[in-house]
C-alpha atoms as a PDB file:
ATOM      1  CA  MET A   1     -17.086  35.989 -69.740  1.00  0.00           C
ATOM      2  CA  ILE A   2     -15.724  37.357 -65.968  1.00  0.00           C
ATOM      3  CA  TRP A   3     -15.292  34.920 -63.614  1.00  0.00           C
ATOM      4  CA  VAL A   4     -16.943  35.812 -59.943  1.00  0.00           C
ATOM      5  CA  ILE A   5     -16.007  33.272 -57.032  1.00  0.00           C
ATOM      6  CA  ALA A   6     -18.358  34.142 -55.215  1.00  0.00           C
ATOM      7  CA  GLY A   7     -18.711  32.652 -51.834  1.00  0.00           C
ATOM      8  CA  THR A   8     -19.402  35.372 -49.861  1.00  0.00           C
ATOM      9  CA  ARG A   9     -22.018  38.554 -49.763  1.00  0.00           C
ATOM     10  CA  SER A  10     -19.654  40.916 -51.435  1.00  0.00           C
ATOM     11  CA  GLY A  11     -18.788  38.000 -53.992  1.00  0.00           C
ATOM     12  CA  ARG A  12     -22.737  38.314 -55.083  1.00  0.00           C
ATOM     13  CA  GLU A  13     -22.666  42.353 -54.797  1.00  0.00           C
ATOM     14  CA  ILE A  14     -19.861  42.474 -56.874  1.00  0.00           C
ATOM     15  CA  ALA A  15     -21.236  40.127 -59.643  1.00  0.00           C
ATOM     16  CA  TRP A  16     -24.485  42.389 -60.073  1.00  0.00           C
ATOM     17  CA  GLU A  17     -22.014  45.635 -60.151  1.00  0.00           C
ATOM     18  CA  LEU A  18     -20.416  43.951 -63.362  1.00  0.00           C
ATOM     19  CA  LEU A  19     -23.720  43.011 -64.912  1.00  0.00           C
ATOM     20  CA  GLY A  20     -24.983  46.474 -64.096  1.00  0.00           C
ATOM     21  CA  MET A  21     -21.953  47.180 -66.376  1.00  0.00           C
ATOM     22  CA  ASN A  22     -22.784  45.200 -68.926  1.00  0.00           C
ATOM     23  CA  TYR A  23     -20.571  42.423 -68.539  1.00  0.00           C
ATOM     24  CA  ARG A  24     -21.443  38.776 -68.886  1.00  0.00           C
ATOM     25  CA  VAL A  25     -20.463  37.166 -65.566  1.00  0.00           C
ATOM     26  CA  ILE A  26     -20.056  33.055 -64.176  1.00  0.00           C
ATOM     27  CA  ALA A  27     -20.401  32.973 -60.535  1.00  0.00           C
ATOM     28  CA  THR A  28     -19.641  30.289 -58.760  1.00  0.00           C
ATOM     29  CA  THR A  29     -21.168  29.062 -55.484  1.00  0.00           C
ATOM     30  CA  ALA A  30     -20.598  25.818 -52.825  1.00  0.00           C
ATOM     31  CA  THR A  31     -23.835  25.673 -51.592  1.00  0.00           C
ATOM     32  CA  ILE A  32     -27.735  25.517 -53.304  1.00  0.00           C
ATOM     33  CA  TYR A  33     -28.343  28.152 -50.560  1.00  0.00           C
ATOM     34  CA  GLY A  34     -26.083  30.513 -52.221  1.00  0.00           C
ATOM     35  CA  SER A  35     -26.612  29.783 -55.708  1.00  0.00           C
ATOM     36  CA  ARG A  36     -30.058  31.112 -55.120  1.00  0.00           C
ATOM     37  CA  LEU A  37     -29.054  34.319 -53.524  1.00  0.00           C
ATOM     38  CA  MET A  38     -27.255  35.126 -56.417  1.00  0.00           C
ATOM     39  CA  GLY A  39     -31.149  35.615 -58.426  1.00  0.00           C
ATOM     40  CA  SER A  40     -31.051  35.365 -61.540  1.00  0.00           C
ATOM     41  CA  HIS A  41     -29.943  37.941 -65.014  1.00  0.00           C
ATOM     42  CA  GLU A  42     -29.837  37.668 -68.320  1.00  0.00           C
ATOM     43  CA  ASN A  43     -26.136  37.771 -68.907  1.00  0.00           C
ATOM     44  CA  LEU A  44     -25.884  36.019 -65.376  1.00  0.00           C
ATOM     45  CA  THR A  45     -24.767  32.257 -65.427  1.00  0.00           C
ATOM     46  CA  VAL A  46     -24.434  30.248 -62.105  1.00  0.00           C
ATOM     47  CA  SER A  47     -22.485  26.984 -61.208  1.00  0.00           C
ATOM     48  CA  MET A  48     -23.416  25.882 -58.094  1.00  0.00           C
ATOM     49  CA  GLY A  49     -21.266  23.105 -56.054  1.00  0.00           C
ATOM     50  CA  ARG A  50     -18.121  22.265 -54.848  1.00  0.00           C
ATOM     51  CA  LYS A  51     -15.395  21.971 -57.571  1.00  0.00           C
ATOM     52  CA  GLY A  52     -12.341  20.738 -58.458  1.00  0.00           C
ATOM     53  CA  LYS A  53      -9.749  22.085 -60.065  1.00  0.00           C
ATOM     54  CA  ASP A  54     -10.190  20.043 -63.242  1.00  0.00           C
ATOM     55  CA  GLU A  55     -13.658  20.946 -63.290  1.00  0.00           C
ATOM     56  CA  LEU A  56     -12.439  24.369 -62.179  1.00  0.00           C
ATOM     57  CA  SER A  57     -10.604  24.669 -65.356  1.00  0.00           C
ATOM     58  CA  MET A  58     -12.936  22.853 -67.800  1.00  0.00           C
ATOM     59  CA  LEU A  59     -15.294  25.569 -66.595  1.00  0.00           C
ATOM     60  CA  ALA A  60     -13.241  28.465 -67.367  1.00  0.00           C
ATOM     61  CA  ARG A  61     -12.237  26.734 -71.188  1.00  0.00           C
ATOM     62  CA  ASP A  62     -15.658  26.470 -71.719  1.00  0.00           C
ATOM     63  CA  HIS A  63     -16.998  29.594 -71.073  1.00  0.00           C
ATOM     64  CA  CYS A  64     -13.801  31.514 -72.711  1.00  0.00           C
ATOM     65  CA  VAL A  65     -13.151  33.229 -69.373  1.00  0.00           C
ATOM     66  CA  ARG A  66     -11.281  36.733 -69.588  1.00  0.00           C
ATOM     67  CA  LEU A  67     -10.999  37.786 -65.993  1.00  0.00           C
ATOM     68  CA  ILE A  68     -11.015  36.097 -62.770  1.00  0.00           C
ATOM     69  CA  ILE A  69     -12.324  37.580 -59.567  1.00  0.00           C
ATOM     70  CA  ASP A  70     -11.871  35.974 -56.430  1.00  0.00           C
ATOM     71  CA  ALA A  71     -14.471  37.061 -53.683  1.00  0.00           C
ATOM     72  CA  SER A  72     -14.255  33.774 -51.817  1.00  0.00           C
ATOM     73  CA  HIS A  73     -14.070  33.222 -48.241  1.00  0.00           C
ATOM     74  CA  PRO A  74     -10.602  34.482 -46.887  1.00  0.00           C
ATOM     75  CA  TYR A  75     -10.198  30.787 -45.480  1.00  0.00           C
ATOM     76  CA  SER A  76     -11.214  29.605 -48.479  1.00  0.00           C
ATOM     77  CA  ILE A  77      -7.790  28.532 -49.273  1.00  0.00           C
ATOM     78  CA  GLU A  78      -8.311  25.559 -52.053  1.00  0.00           C
ATOM     79  CA  VAL A  79     -10.879  27.161 -54.052  1.00  0.00           C
ATOM     80  CA  SER A  80      -7.892  30.637 -54.033  1.00  0.00           C
ATOM     81  CA  GLU A  81      -5.184  28.060 -55.369  1.00  0.00           C
ATOM     82  CA  ASN A  82      -7.043  26.433 -57.257  1.00  0.00           C
ATOM     83  CA  ALA A  83      -8.372  29.933 -59.341  1.00  0.00           C
ATOM     84  CA  MET A  84      -4.626  30.887 -59.160  1.00  0.00           C
ATOM     85  CA  ALA A  85      -3.545  27.949 -60.611  1.00  0.00           C
ATOM     86  CA  ILE A  86      -6.200  28.136 -63.443  1.00  0.00           C
ATOM     87  CA  ALA A  87      -4.975  31.570 -64.033  1.00  0.00           C
ATOM     88  CA  LEU A  88      -1.952  30.860 -64.624  1.00  0.00           C
ATOM     89  CA  GLU A  89      -2.143  27.894 -66.935  1.00  0.00           C
ATOM     90  CA  GLN A  90      -4.316  29.605 -69.101  1.00  0.00           C
ATOM     91  CA  ALA A  91      -3.476  33.061 -69.264  1.00  0.00           C
ATOM     92  CA  ILE A  92      -5.983  34.745 -67.266  1.00  0.00           C
ATOM     93  CA  PRO A  93      -5.676  37.884 -65.397  1.00  0.00           C
ATOM     94  CA  TYR A  94      -6.732  37.118 -62.173  1.00  0.00           C
ATOM     95  CA  LEU A  95      -7.837  39.851 -59.316  1.00  0.00           C
ATOM     96  CA  ARG A  96      -8.373  38.875 -55.642  1.00  0.00           C
ATOM     97  CA  TYR A  97     -11.068  41.235 -53.442  1.00  0.00           C
ATOM     98  CA  GLU A  98      -9.807  40.762 -49.936  1.00  0.00           C
ATOM     99  CA  ARG A  99     -12.189  41.866 -46.993  1.00  0.00           C
ATOM    100  CA  GLU A 100     -10.237  45.284 -44.736  1.00  0.00           C
ATOM    101  CA  ASN A 101      -9.572  43.408 -41.738  1.00  0.00           C
ATOM    102  CA  VAL A 102     -11.055  44.333 -38.848  1.00  0.00           C
ATOM    103  CA  ASP A 103      -8.025  44.696 -36.402  1.00  0.00           C
ATOM    104  CA  SER A 104      -9.214  47.517 -33.923  1.00  0.00           C
ATOM    105  CA  TYR A 105     -10.327  44.651 -31.241  1.00  0.00           C
ATOM    106  CA  GLU A 106      -8.088  43.770 -28.516  1.00  0.00           C
ATOM    107  CA  CYS A 107      -8.198  40.072 -29.105  1.00  0.00           C
ATOM    108  CA  THR A 108      -6.086  36.956 -28.438  1.00  0.00           C
ATOM    109  CA  ARG A 109      -4.926  35.686 -31.179  1.00  0.00           C
ATOM    110  CA  PHE A 110      -3.545  32.193 -32.800  1.00  0.00           C
ATOM    111  CA  ARG A 111      -2.605  30.947 -36.170  1.00  0.00           C
ATOM    112  CA  SER A 112      -4.388  28.192 -35.881  1.00  0.00           C
ATOM    113  CA  TYR A 113      -7.567  26.051 -34.325  1.00  0.00           C
ATOM    114  CA  ILE A 114      -5.274  23.572 -32.517  1.00  0.00           C
ATOM    115  CA  GLU A 115      -3.398  26.184 -30.563  1.00  0.00           C
ATOM    116  CA  ALA A 116      -6.531  28.280 -30.058  1.00  0.00           C
ATOM    117  CA  ALA A 117      -8.192  24.803 -28.538  1.00  0.00           C
ATOM    118  CA  ALA A 118      -5.153  24.458 -26.150  1.00  0.00           C
ATOM    119  CA  TYR A 119      -5.217  28.086 -24.698  1.00  0.00           C
ATOM    120  CA  LEU A 120      -8.957  27.659 -23.746  1.00  0.00           C
ATOM    121  CA  GLU A 121      -9.302  23.904 -22.344  1.00  0.00           C
ATOM    122  CA  LYS A 122      -7.409  25.570 -19.481  1.00  0.00           C
ATOM    123  CA  LYS A 123      -9.697  27.932 -19.307  1.00  0.00           C
ATOM    124  CA  SER A 124     -13.236  27.970 -17.217  1.00  0.00           C
ATOM    125  CA  GLY A 125     -16.872  28.706 -18.970  1.00  0.00           C
ATOM    126  CA  ASN A 126     -18.800  29.062 -21.459  1.00  0.00           C
ATOM    127  CA  ILE A 127     -17.223  29.230 -25.349  1.00  0.00           C
ATOM    128  CA  LEU A 128     -19.229  30.360 -28.172  1.00  0.00           C
ATOM    129  CA  LEU A 129     -17.928  29.144 -31.551  1.00  0.00           C
ATOM    130  CA  THR A 130     -18.586  30.585 -34.803  1.00  0.00           C
ATOM    131  CA  ILE A 131     -15.963  29.057 -37.195  1.00  0.00           C
ATOM    132  CA  GLY A 132     -18.004  26.789 -38.918  1.00  0.00           C
ATOM    133  CA  THR A 133     -19.206  22.788 -38.781  1.00  0.00           C
ATOM    134  CA  ASN A 134     -15.476  21.806 -40.530  1.00  0.00           C
ATOM    135  CA  ASN A 135     -13.481  23.366 -37.669  1.00  0.00           C
ATOM    136  CA  MET A 136     -15.673  21.903 -34.599  1.00  0.00           C
ATOM    137  CA  SER A 137     -13.477  18.655 -34.754  1.00  0.00           C
ATOM    138  CA  PHE A 138     -10.671  20.540 -32.475  1.00  0.00           C
ATOM    139  CA  PHE A 139     -12.831  21.810 -29.633  1.00  0.00           C
ATOM    140  CA  SER A 140     -14.054  17.622 -29.571  1.00  0.00           C
ATOM    141  CA  GLY A 141     -12.445  16.906 -26.392  1.00  0.00           C
ATOM    142  CA  PHE A 142     -13.631  19.804 -24.407  1.00  0.00           C
ATOM    143  CA  ASP A 143     -17.081  19.109 -22.229  1.00  0.00           C
ATOM    144  CA  LYS A 144     -20.028  20.355 -24.690  1.00  0.00           C
ATOM    145  CA  LYS A 145     -22.040  21.344 -22.183  1.00  0.00           C
ATOM    146  CA  ARG A 146     -19.939  24.521 -21.983  1.00  0.00           C
ATOM    147  CA  LEU A 147     -19.821  24.989 -26.043  1.00  0.00           C
ATOM    148  CA  TYR A 148     -22.331  26.605 -28.269  1.00  0.00           C
ATOM    149  CA  ALA A 149     -21.629  26.793 -32.287  1.00  0.00           C
ATOM    150  CA  ARG A 150     -23.928  29.088 -33.875  1.00  0.00           C
ATOM    151  CA  ILE A 151     -24.175  28.062 -37.322  1.00  0.00           C
ATOM    152  CA  ALA A 152     -25.543  28.352 -41.050  1.00  0.00           C
ATOM    153  CA  PRO A 153     -29.159  26.804 -40.432  1.00  0.00           C
ATOM    154  CA  PHE A 154     -28.584  23.684 -42.811  1.00  0.00           C
ATOM    155  CA  MET A 155     -29.382  20.367 -42.373  1.00  0.00           C
ATOM    156  CA  GLY A 156     -25.758  19.428 -43.378  1.00  0.00           C
ATOM    157  CA  SER A 157     -24.518  21.452 -40.933  1.00  0.00           C
ATOM    158  CA  ILE A 158     -26.732  20.420 -37.973  1.00  0.00           C
ATOM    159  CA  GLU A 159     -25.524  17.170 -38.677  1.00  0.00           C
ATOM    160  CA  ALA A 160     -22.335  17.865 -38.405  1.00  0.00           C
ATOM    161  CA  CYS A 161     -22.788  19.499 -34.815  1.00  0.00           C
ATOM    162  CA  GLU A 162     -24.685  16.085 -33.812  1.00  0.00           C
ATOM    163  CA  GLN A 163     -21.822  14.102 -34.495  1.00  0.00           C
ATOM    164  CA  GLN A 164     -19.344  16.204 -32.755  1.00  0.00           C
ATOM    165  CA  GLY A 165     -21.622  15.654 -29.580  1.00  0.00           C
ATOM    166  CA  PHE A 166     -23.434  18.824 -29.288  1.00  0.00           C
ATOM    167  CA  GLN A 167     -26.400  18.237 -27.884  1.00  0.00           C
ATOM    168  CA  PRO A 168     -29.654  20.576 -29.462  1.00  0.00           C
ATOM    169  CA  GLY A 169     -29.662  23.442 -27.067  1.00  0.00           C
ATOM    170  CA  GLN A 170     -25.849  23.900 -27.588  1.00  0.00           C
ATOM    171  CA  ILE A 171     -26.579  24.251 -31.412  1.00  0.00           C
ATOM    172  CA  ILE A 172     -27.855  28.506 -32.570  1.00  0.00           C
ATOM    173  CA  ALA A 173     -29.013  27.638 -36.027  1.00  0.00           C
ATOM    174  CA  MET A 174     -29.743  30.939 -37.727  1.00  0.00           C
ATOM    175  CA  SER A 175     -29.012  32.691 -40.933  1.00  0.00           C
ATOM    176  CA  PHE A 176     -28.251  36.725 -41.215  1.00  0.00           C
ATOM    177  CA  SER A 177     -26.467  39.608 -39.941  1.00  0.00           C
ATOM    178  CA  PHE A 178     -27.137  39.983 -36.140  1.00  0.00           C
ATOM    179  CA  SER A 179     -27.504  43.278 -34.400  1.00  0.00           C
ATOM    180  CA  ARG A 180     -25.298  44.533 -31.634  1.00  0.00           C
ATOM    181  CA  ASP A 181     -27.859  43.907 -29.005  1.00  0.00           C
ATOM    182  CA  PHE A 182     -28.860  40.706 -30.419  1.00  0.00           C
ATOM    183  CA  ASN A 183     -25.176  39.547 -29.831  1.00  0.00           C
ATOM    184  CA  SER A 184     -25.188  41.141 -26.244  1.00  0.00           C
ATOM    185  CA  ALA A 185     -28.638  39.330 -25.564  1.00  0.00           C
ATOM    186  CA  LEU A 186     -27.149  36.217 -26.558  1.00  0.00           C
ATOM    187  CA  TYR A 187     -23.596  36.261 -25.083  1.00  0.00           C
ATOM    188  CA  ARG A 188     -25.766  36.767 -21.640  1.00  0.00           C
ATOM    189  CA  GLU A 189     -28.253  34.662 -22.308  1.00  0.00           C
ATOM    190  CA  LEU A 190     -26.254  31.677 -22.377  1.00  0.00           C
ATOM    191  CA  GLU A 191     -23.569  32.994 -20.132  1.00  0.00           C
ATOM    192  CA  ILE A 192     -20.420  32.667 -22.563  1.00  0.00           C
ATOM    193  CA  LYS A 193     -16.888  34.016 -21.632  1.00  0.00           C
ATOM    194  CA  TYR A 194     -14.765  33.232 -24.523  1.00  0.00           C
ATOM    195  CA  LEU A 195     -16.135  33.991 -28.400  1.00  0.00           C
ATOM    196  CA  VAL A 196     -13.887  31.765 -30.828  1.00  0.00           C
ATOM    197  CA  THR A 197     -14.409  33.773 -34.675  1.00  0.00           C
ATOM    198  CA  LYS A 198     -12.034  33.742 -37.596  1.00  0.00           C
ATOM    199  CA  GLU A 199     -10.837  37.210 -38.598  1.00  0.00           C
ATOM    200  CA  SER A 200     -12.990  37.299 -41.877  1.00  0.00           C
ATOM    201  CA  GLY A 201     -12.909  40.547 -42.407  1.00  0.00           C
ATOM    202  CA  ASP A 202     -15.121  43.475 -42.322  1.00  0.00           C
ATOM    203  CA  ASP A 203     -18.426  41.705 -43.813  1.00  0.00           C
ATOM    204  CA  GLY A 204     -21.369  40.098 -42.555  1.00  0.00           C
ATOM    205  CA  GLY A 205     -21.880  41.505 -39.320  1.00  0.00           C
ATOM    206  CA  ILE A 206     -18.570  40.870 -37.507  1.00  0.00           C
ATOM    207  CA  ARG A 207     -18.188  44.215 -36.435  1.00  0.00           C
ATOM    208  CA  GLU A 208     -21.896  43.884 -34.667  1.00  0.00           C
ATOM    209  CA  LYS A 209     -20.357  40.618 -33.248  1.00  0.00           C
ATOM    210  CA  LEU A 210     -17.237  42.218 -32.079  1.00  0.00           C
ATOM    211  CA  ASP A 211     -18.742  45.479 -30.470  1.00  0.00           C
ATOM    212  CA  ALA A 212     -21.071  43.096 -28.126  1.00  0.00           C
ATOM    213  CA  ALA A 213     -18.385  41.449 -27.556  1.00  0.00           C
ATOM    214  CA  VAL A 214     -16.486  43.998 -25.662  1.00  0.00           C
ATOM    215  CA  ASP A 215     -19.728  45.633 -24.651  1.00  0.00           C
ATOM    216  CA  SER A 216     -20.171  41.715 -22.501  1.00  0.00           C
ATOM    217  CA  GLY A 217     -16.839  41.083 -21.153  1.00  0.00           C
ATOM    218  CA  VAL A 218     -15.989  38.161 -23.538  1.00  0.00           C
ATOM    219  CA  GLU A 219     -12.672  37.437 -24.149  1.00  0.00           C
ATOM    220  CA  ILE A 220     -12.108  37.145 -28.086  1.00  0.00           C
ATOM    221  CA  VAL A 221     -10.327  34.616 -28.969  1.00  0.00           C
ATOM    222  CA  LEU A 222      -9.310  34.941 -32.838  1.00  0.00           C
ATOM    223  CA  ILE A 223      -8.251  32.623 -34.988  1.00  0.00           C
ATOM    224  CA  GLU A 224      -5.763  34.820 -38.041  1.00  0.00           C
ATOM    225  CA  ARG A 225      -6.661  34.717 -41.449  1.00  0.00           C
ATOM    226  CA  PRO A 226      -4.141  32.280 -43.374  1.00  0.00           C
ATOM    227  CA  VAL A 227      -1.400  33.764 -45.682  1.00  0.00           C
ATOM    228  CA  ILE A 228      -1.688  33.541 -49.008  1.00  0.00           C
ATOM    229  CA  GLN A 229       0.271  35.232 -51.951  1.00  0.00           C
ATOM    230  CA  TYR A 230      -1.946  36.830 -54.552  1.00  0.00           C
ATOM    231  CA  PRO A 231      -0.645  38.276 -57.932  1.00  0.00           C
ATOM    232  CA  GLU A 232      -2.937  41.237 -57.297  1.00  0.00           C
ATOM    233  CA  VAL A 233      -4.956  42.265 -54.293  1.00  0.00           C
ATOM    234  CA  ILE A 234      -7.588  45.161 -54.280  1.00  0.00           C
ATOM    235  CA  TYR A 235      -9.643  46.337 -51.250  1.00  0.00           C
ATOM    236  CA  ASP A 236     -11.638  48.584 -52.488  1.00  0.00           C
ATOM    237  CA  ARG A 237     -14.794  47.973 -54.722  1.00  0.00           C
ATOM    238  CA  SER A 238     -14.557  51.248 -57.023  1.00  0.00           C
ATOM    239  CA  ALA A 239     -10.511  50.258 -57.524  1.00  0.00           C
ATOM    240  CA  LEU A 240     -12.068  46.268 -58.763  1.00  0.00           C
ATOM    241  CA  LEU A 241     -14.819  47.828 -60.947  1.00  0.00           C
ATOM    242  CA  LYS A 242     -11.989  50.238 -62.463  1.00  0.00           C
ATOM    243  CA  ARG A 243      -9.317  47.669 -63.298  1.00  0.00           C
ATOM    244  CA  THR A 244     -11.498  45.383 -64.651  1.00  0.00           C
ATOM    245  CA  GLY A 245     -12.394  47.907 -67.130  1.00  0.00           C
ATOM    246  CA  GLU A 246      -8.475  48.343 -67.811  1.00  0.00           C
ATOM    247  CA  ILE A 247      -7.932  44.674 -68.189  1.00  0.00           C
ATOM    248  CA  LEU A 248     -11.170  44.270 -70.516  1.00  0.00           C
ATOM    249  CA  ASN A 249     -10.828  47.648 -72.713  1.00  0.00           C
ATOM    250  CA  GLY A 250      -7.102  47.964 -72.850  1.00  0.00           C
END
């Protein structure tokens, strides 16, 4: 059994490529929505919900996991650290599939949300936050009239924004990749001057979001990707599948 940590579109695609190669896969997702996106297959087991290290360790043992492929979001630090610890404890090979950085854009870069918030607090103009609801609190001291949050359309996410003081007109709850033109129109309509985003990598429409910012004269405020020491990192999907075969088939 291969355990795929499938918190991203790439993770889902990797799981299905493995299924197409007749591997048995257990995919873990944090949300019901993520589990639904996984689909169904006779050789696919989906485990949904946020789990701690002990639960994940039991999952690996119960399903006789022979390989861990970590395709979680680049900012899911705890998930990756738990998976690496389990791999070490149970002598399971671990591969990290990492999205390539999108580094060809001129950005104002920060290592933390605190630094980014301190920078923007001194600026004027509207701000679009595309950083997830868990990080909204870093901007709690801002005038909410100049803040907009683009989030996934889940009740919990909307409630989290409301708890931070966002009004309905400041919440953009939509879940799909947006075109360059759509992003440009959104920036113009909301008179956005600053886009706050993560260094998530070339996946999920980030290029369209950044291209539109350049087109619209919007300053890109980038939260840099956390630095994690993975035992083995692979950036190419074909190379990942080849390495999987080498590990499992000798």
